[in-house]
Structures are given as structure tokens and as C-alpha cells.
Amino acid sequence: MDDVLIYEQFVRATEEFVTQIKEAALSTGLMTIGRKNKIHNIKKNTTNTEQGLIIDGQAFKEVAEF
């Protein structure tokens, strides 16, 4: 699997899921590539990503479409 699309309503759920993916990848000798992380914020009135989404020190770049 090359790319993963995560659809979550809450930042905390996204953080937990990304952490699980990273741990599973590491246990099999794979790794995630931080520079490829992206977030598409559907609700523009939310304040969840005003500072950007950073999980485990890796920033997610906000994009207009995925």
C-alpha cells in the first residue's frame, strides 16, 4: 500500500489513528514519510487546524483537494 486516506471528524481521533499506523509500519520494517503528509480540512469554520496539524513531530500540509 502506498497512500492512505484517513477520514476523521476530530483531530484527536486522527492523532490516534496515525500513531497506530506508524507503530504497525515500524513493527514490519516500514516507515511513514512525513513530507508526504497532507490534510484536507472540509469544515472551514473549524479551529482544529489553525496552528496546523502536527502528529509525532510531523506536520501535515493543508491542501485544497486530495
PDB file of N, CA and C in Angstrom:
ATOM      1  N   MET A   1       0.858  -1.159   0.000  1.00  0.00           N
ATOM      2  CA  MET A   1       0.000   0.000   0.000  1.00  0.00           C
ATOM      3  C   MET A   1       0.905   1.223   0.000  1.00  0.00           C
ATOM      4  N   ASP A   2       0.584   2.153  -0.843  1.00  0.00           N
ATOM      5  CA  ASP A   2       1.425   3.328  -0.988  1.00  0.00           C
ATOM      6  C   ASP A   2       0.853   4.534  -0.263  1.00  0.00           C
ATOM      7  N   ASP A   3      -0.393   4.865  -0.513  1.00  0.00           N
ATOM      8  CA  ASP A   3      -1.025   6.024   0.116  1.00  0.00           C
ATOM      9  C   ASP A   3      -2.200   5.577   0.978  1.00  0.00           C
ATOM     10  N   VAL A   4      -2.468   6.360   2.009  1.00  0.00           N
ATOM     11  CA  VAL A   4      -3.585   6.077   2.907  1.00  0.00           C
ATOM     12  C   VAL A   4      -4.405   7.347   3.062  1.00  0.00           C
ATOM     13  N   LEU A   5      -5.698   7.239   2.914  1.00  0.00           N
ATOM     14  CA  LEU A   5      -6.608   8.353   3.144  1.00  0.00           C
ATOM     15  C   LEU A   5      -7.316   8.099   4.467  1.00  0.00           C
ATOM     16  N   ILE A   6      -7.193   9.038   5.380  1.00  0.00           N
ATOM     17  CA  ILE A   6      -7.837   8.928   6.687  1.00  0.00           C
ATOM     18  C   ILE A   6      -8.939   9.966   6.734  1.00  0.00           C
ATOM     19  N   TYR A   7     -10.147   9.526   7.017  1.00  0.00           N
ATOM     20  CA  TYR A   7     -11.291  10.430   7.093  1.00  0.00           C
ATOM     21  C   TYR A   7     -11.759  10.450   8.536  1.00  0.00           C
ATOM     22  N   GLU A   8     -11.479  11.511   9.247  1.00  0.00           N
ATOM     23  CA  GLU A   8     -11.849  11.635  10.650  1.00  0.00           C
ATOM     24  C   GLU A   8     -12.506  12.981  10.895  1.00  0.00           C
ATOM     25  N   GLN A   9     -13.375  13.007  11.884  1.00  0.00           N
ATOM     26  CA  GLN A   9     -14.067  14.238  12.235  1.00  0.00           C
ATOM     27  C   GLN A   9     -13.284  15.053  13.266  1.00  0.00           C
ATOM     28  N   PHE A  10     -12.499  14.369  14.095  1.00  0.00           N
ATOM     29  CA  PHE A  10     -11.819  15.041  15.193  1.00  0.00           C
ATOM     30  C   PHE A  10     -10.304  14.867  15.102  1.00  0.00           C
ATOM     31  N   VAL A  11      -9.571  15.907  15.478  1.00  0.00           N
ATOM     32  CA  VAL A  11      -8.118  15.872  15.438  1.00  0.00           C
ATOM     33  C   VAL A  11      -7.586  14.759  16.323  1.00  0.00           C
ATOM     34  N   ARG A  12      -8.145  14.593  17.511  1.00  0.00           N
ATOM     35  CA  ARG A  12      -7.657  13.563  18.441  1.00  0.00           C
ATOM     36  C   ARG A  12      -7.770  12.164  17.831  1.00  0.00           C
ATOM     37  N   ALA A  13      -8.872  11.879  17.157  1.00  0.00           N
ATOM     38  CA  ALA A  13      -9.038  10.578  16.507  1.00  0.00           C
ATOM     39  C   ALA A  13      -8.007  10.394  15.401  1.00  0.00           C
ATOM     40  N   THR A  14      -7.708  11.462  14.688  1.00  0.00           N
ATOM     41  CA  THR A  14      -6.687  11.408  13.638  1.00  0.00           C
ATOM     42  C   THR A  14      -5.328  11.122  14.244  1.00  0.00           C
ATOM     43  N   GLU A  15      -5.006  11.793  15.339  1.00  0.00           N
ATOM     44  CA  GLU A  15      -3.724  11.563  16.014  1.00  0.00           C
ATOM     45  C   GLU A  15      -3.577  10.110  16.438  1.00  0.00           C
ATOM     46  N   GLU A  16      -4.619   9.562  17.037  1.00  0.00           N
ATOM     47  CA  GLU A  16      -4.575   8.178  17.497  1.00  0.00           C
ATOM     48  C   GLU A  16      -4.410   7.202  16.330  1.00  0.00           C
ATOM     49  N   PHE A  17      -5.130   7.434  15.249  1.00  0.00           N
ATOM     50  CA  PHE A  17      -5.061   6.536  14.109  1.00  0.00           C
ATOM     51  C   PHE A  17      -3.693   6.593  13.427  1.00  0.00           C
ATOM     52  N   VAL A  18      -3.161   7.804  13.261  1.00  0.00           N
ATOM     53  CA  VAL A  18      -1.842   7.948  12.643  1.00  0.00           C
ATOM     54  C   VAL A  18      -0.777   7.279  13.501  1.00  0.00           C
ATOM     55  N   THR A  19      -0.886   7.406  14.806  1.00  0.00           N
ATOM     56  CA  THR A  19       0.058   6.748  15.709  1.00  0.00           C
ATOM     57  C   THR A  19      -0.021   5.232  15.555  1.00  0.00           C
ATOM     58  N   GLN A  20      -1.226   4.682  15.452  1.00  0.00           N
ATOM     59  CA  GLN A  20      -1.390   3.238  15.252  1.00  0.00           C
ATOM     60  C   GLN A  20      -0.779   2.789  13.935  1.00  0.00           C
ATOM     61  N   ILE A  21      -0.975   3.574  12.875  1.00  0.00           N
ATOM     62  CA  ILE A  21      -0.396   3.234  11.573  1.00  0.00           C
ATOM     63  C   ILE A  21       1.128   3.240  11.647  1.00  0.00           C
ATOM     64  N   LYS A  22       1.666   4.272  12.283  1.00  0.00           N
ATOM     65  CA  LYS A  22       3.123   4.389  12.388  1.00  0.00           C
ATOM     66  C   LYS A  22       3.710   3.215  13.161  1.00  0.00           C
ATOM     67  N   GLU A  23       3.088   2.853  14.276  1.00  0.00           N
ATOM     68  CA  GLU A  23       3.574   1.738  15.083  1.00  0.00           C
ATOM     69  C   GLU A  23       3.488   0.414  14.315  1.00  0.00           C
ATOM     70  N   ALA A  24       2.394   0.212  13.594  1.00  0.00           N
ATOM     71  CA  ALA A  24       2.244  -1.012  12.797  1.00  0.00           C
ATOM     72  C   ALA A  24       3.289  -1.056  11.680  1.00  0.00           C
ATOM     73  N   ALA A  25       3.529   0.076  11.050  1.00  0.00           N
ATOM     74  CA  ALA A  25       4.526   0.133   9.977  1.00  0.00           C
ATOM     75  C   ALA A  25       5.919  -0.189  10.520  1.00  0.00           C
ATOM     76  N   LEU A  26       6.274   0.419  11.625  1.00  0.00           N
ATOM     77  CA  LEU A  26       7.594   0.184  12.215  1.00  0.00           C
ATOM     78  C   LEU A  26       7.778  -1.275  12.626  1.00  0.00           C
ATOM     79  N   SER A  27       6.715  -1.914  13.095  1.00  0.00           N
ATOM     80  CA  SER A  27       6.824  -3.309  13.532  1.00  0.00           C
ATOM     81  C   SER A  27       7.068  -4.262  12.365  1.00  0.00           C
ATOM     82  N   THR A  28       6.791  -3.809  11.156  1.00  0.00           N
ATOM     83  CA  THR A  28       7.023  -4.647   9.984  1.00  0.00           C
ATOM     84  C   THR A  28       8.216  -4.169   9.155  1.00  0.00           C
ATOM     85  N   GLY A  29       8.928  -3.153   9.652  1.00  0.00           N
ATOM     86  CA  GLY A  29      10.097  -2.642   8.950  1.00  0.00           C
ATOM     87  C   GLY A  29       9.789  -1.540   7.951  1.00  0.00           C
ATOM     88  N   LEU A  30       8.572  -1.044   7.957  1.00  0.00           N
ATOM     89  CA  LEU A  30       8.196   0.050   7.062  1.00  0.00           C
ATOM     90  C   LEU A  30       8.252   1.369   7.826  1.00  0.00           C
ATOM     91  N   MET A  31       8.156   2.476   7.107  1.00  0.00           N
ATOM     92  CA  MET A  31       8.155   3.768   7.774  1.00  0.00           C
ATOM     93  C   MET A  31       7.229   4.725   7.047  1.00  0.00           C
ATOM     94  N   THR A  32       6.755   5.717   7.790  1.00  0.00           N
ATOM     95  CA  THR A  32       5.934   6.758   7.177  1.00  0.00           C
ATOM     96  C   THR A  32       6.855   7.888   6.734  1.00  0.00           C
ATOM     97  N   ILE A  33       6.442   8.620   5.706  1.00  0.00           N
ATOM     98  CA  ILE A  33       7.250   9.712   5.174  1.00  0.00           C
ATOM     99  C   ILE A  33       6.548  11.025   5.509  1.00  0.00           C
ATOM    100  N   GLY A  34       7.109  11.744   6.468  1.00  0.00           N
ATOM    101  CA  GLY A  34       6.487  12.957   6.969  1.00  0.00           C
ATOM    102  C   GLY A  34       6.212  14.015   5.922  1.00  0.00           C
ATOM    103  N   ARG A  35       7.098  14.165   4.964  1.00  0.00           N
ATOM    104  CA  ARG A  35       6.920  15.230   3.959  1.00  0.00           C
ATOM    105  C   ARG A  35       5.741  14.962   3.030  1.00  0.00           C
ATOM    106  N   LYS A  36       5.200  13.748   3.051  1.00  0.00           N
ATOM    107  CA  LYS A  36       4.065  13.420   2.193  1.00  0.00           C
ATOM    108  C   LYS A  36       2.729  13.588   2.911  1.00  0.00           C
ATOM    109  N   ASN A  37       2.760  13.889   4.206  1.00  0.00           N
ATOM    110  CA  ASN A  37       1.530  14.034   4.977  1.00  0.00           C
ATOM    111  C   ASN A  37       0.757  15.266   4.534  1.00  0.00           C
ATOM    112  N   LYS A  38      -0.549  15.088   4.321  1.00  0.00           N
ATOM    113  CA  LYS A  38      -1.402  16.199   3.911  1.00  0.00           C
ATOM    114  C   LYS A  38      -2.729  16.129   4.657  1.00  0.00           C
ATOM    115  N   ILE A  39      -3.355  17.276   4.811  1.00  0.00           N
ATOM    116  CA  ILE A  39      -4.673  17.329   5.428  1.00  0.00           C
ATOM    117  C   ILE A  39      -5.576  18.182   4.545  1.00  0.00           C
ATOM    118  N   HIS A  40      -6.798  17.714   4.380  1.00  0.00           N
ATOM    119  CA  HIS A  40      -7.807  18.487   3.641  1.00  0.00           C
ATOM    120  C   HIS A  40      -8.908  18.803   4.638  1.00  0.00           C
ATOM    121  N   ASN A  41      -8.988  20.052   5.034  1.00  0.00           N
ATOM    122  CA  ASN A  41      -9.953  20.494   6.026  1.00  0.00           C
ATOM    123  C   ASN A  41     -11.272  20.799   5.322  1.00  0.00           C
ATOM    124  N   ILE A  42     -12.270  19.957   5.532  1.00  0.00           N
ATOM    125  CA  ILE A  42     -13.561  20.128   4.863  1.00  0.00           C
ATOM    126  C   ILE A  42     -14.368  21.239   5.517  1.00  0.00           C
ATOM    127  N   LYS A  43     -14.345  21.317   6.835  1.00  0.00           N
ATOM    128  CA  LYS A  43     -15.091  22.352   7.556  1.00  0.00           C
ATOM    129  C   LYS A  43     -14.194  23.562   7.750  1.00  0.00           C
ATOM    130  N   LYS A  44     -14.372  24.559   6.942  1.00  0.00           N
ATOM    131  CA  LYS A  44     -13.501  25.731   7.004  1.00  0.00           C
ATOM    132  C   LYS A  44     -13.766  26.605   8.227  1.00  0.00           C
ATOM    133  N   ASN A  45     -14.854  26.364   8.938  1.00  0.00           N
ATOM    134  CA  ASN A  45     -15.133  27.177  10.116  1.00  0.00           C
ATOM    135  C   ASN A  45     -14.563  26.560  11.393  1.00  0.00           C
ATOM    136  N   THR A  46     -13.803  25.515  11.271  1.00  0.00           N
ATOM    137  CA  THR A  46     -13.235  24.857  12.449  1.00  0.00           C
ATOM    138  C   THR A  46     -11.932  25.526  12.868  1.00  0.00           C
ATOM    139  N   THR A  47     -11.606  25.421  14.135  1.00  0.00           N
ATOM    140  CA  THR A  47     -10.342  25.970  14.629  1.00  0.00           C
ATOM    141  C   THR A  47      -9.340  24.867  14.903  1.00  0.00           C
ATOM    142  N   ASN A  48      -9.673  23.614  14.581  1.00  0.00           N
ATOM    143  CA  ASN A  48      -8.793  22.491  14.884  1.00  0.00           C
ATOM    144  C   ASN A  48      -7.426  22.585  14.221  1.00  0.00           C
ATOM    145  N   THR A  49      -7.345  23.202  13.053  1.00  0.00           N
ATOM    146  CA  THR A  49      -6.078  23.204  12.334  1.00  0.00           C
ATOM    147  C   THR A  49      -5.512  24.603  12.132  1.00  0.00           C
ATOM    148  N   GLU A  50      -5.936  25.556  12.952  1.00  0.00           N
ATOM    149  CA  GLU A  50      -5.401  26.909  12.815  1.00  0.00           C
ATOM    150  C   GLU A  50      -3.887  26.926  12.969  1.00  0.00           C
ATOM    151  N   GLN A  51      -3.359  26.116  13.858  1.00  0.00           N
ATOM    152  CA  GLN A  51      -1.923  26.043  14.062  1.00  0.00           C
ATOM    153  C   GLN A  51      -1.303  24.967  13.176  1.00  0.00           C
ATOM    154  N   GLY A  52      -2.095  24.315  12.370  1.00  0.00           N
ATOM    155  CA  GLY A  52      -1.613  23.202  11.566  1.00  0.00           C
ATOM    156  C   GLY A  52      -1.714  21.912  12.356  1.00  0.00           C
ATOM    157  N   LEU A  53      -1.778  20.818  11.670  1.00  0.00           N
ATOM    158  CA  LEU A  53      -1.865  19.525  12.331  1.00  0.00           C
ATOM    159  C   LEU A  53      -0.471  18.932  12.413  1.00  0.00           C
ATOM    160  N   ILE A  54       0.001  18.712  13.624  1.00  0.00           N
ATOM    161  CA  ILE A  54       1.311  18.124  13.843  1.00  0.00           C
ATOM    162  C   ILE A  54       1.108  16.886  14.710  1.00  0.00           C
ATOM    163  N   ILE A  55       1.539  15.742  14.201  1.00  0.00           N
ATOM    164  CA  ILE A  55       1.419  14.486  14.927  1.00  0.00           C
ATOM    165  C   ILE A  55       2.798  13.869  15.024  1.00  0.00           C
ATOM    166  N   ASP A  56       3.224  13.597  16.248  1.00  0.00           N
ATOM    167  CA  ASP A  56       4.522  12.979  16.493  1.00  0.00           C
ATOM    168  C   ASP A  56       5.652  13.769  15.822  1.00  0.00           C
ATOM    169  N   GLY A  57       5.551  15.090  15.864  1.00  0.00           N
ATOM    170  CA  GLY A  57       6.579  15.942  15.306  1.00  0.00           C
ATOM    171  C   GLY A  57       6.540  16.112  13.801  1.00  0.00           C
ATOM    172  N   GLN A  58       5.576  15.483  13.140  1.00  0.00           N
ATOM    173  CA  GLN A  58       5.464  15.597  11.687  1.00  0.00           C
ATOM    174  C   GLN A  58       4.274  16.470  11.332  1.00  0.00           C
ATOM    175  N   ALA A  59       4.529  17.527  10.566  1.00  0.00           N
ATOM    176  CA  ALA A  59       3.471  18.464  10.180  1.00  0.00           C
ATOM    177  C   ALA A  59       2.728  17.947   8.958  1.00  0.00           C
ATOM    178  N   PHE A  60       1.424  18.143   8.962  1.00  0.00           N
ATOM    179  CA  PHE A  60       0.581  17.809   7.834  1.00  0.00           C
ATOM    180  C   PHE A  60       0.315  19.087   7.059  1.00  0.00           C
ATOM    181  N   LYS A  61       0.659  19.116   5.797  1.00  0.00           N
ATOM    182  CA  LYS A  61       0.431  20.281   4.940  1.00  0.00           C
ATOM    183  C   LYS A  61      -1.041  20.320   4.552  1.00  0.00           C
ATOM    184  N   GLU A  62      -1.684  21.498   4.697  1.00  0.00           N
ATOM    185  CA  GLU A  62      -3.080  21.624   4.288  1.00  0.00           C
ATOM    186  C   GLU A  62      -3.159  21.833   2.794  1.00  0.00           C
ATOM    187  N   VAL A  63      -4.049  21.076   2.139  1.00  0.00           N
ATOM    188  CA  VAL A  63      -4.243  21.164   0.699  1.00  0.00           C
ATOM    189  C   VAL A  63      -5.700  21.434   0.394  1.00  0.00           C
ATOM    190  N   ALA A  64      -5.985  21.987  -0.785  1.00  0.00           N
ATOM    191  CA  ALA A  64      -7.350  22.317  -1.189  1.00  0.00           C
ATOM    192  C   ALA A  64      -8.102  21.086  -1.690  1.00  0.00           C
ATOM    193  N   GLU A  65      -7.400  20.109  -2.212  1.00  0.00           N
ATOM    194  CA  GLU A  65      -8.025  18.849  -2.660  1.00  0.00           C
ATOM    195  C   GLU A  65      -7.035  17.722  -2.524  1.00  0.00           C
ATOM    196  N   PHE A  66      -7.567  16.504  -2.476  1.00  0.00           N
ATOM    197  CA  PHE A  66      -6.710  15.336  -2.269  1.00  0.00           C
ATOM    198  C   PHE A  66      -6.866  14.397  -3.431  1.00  0.00           C
TER     199      PHE A  66
END
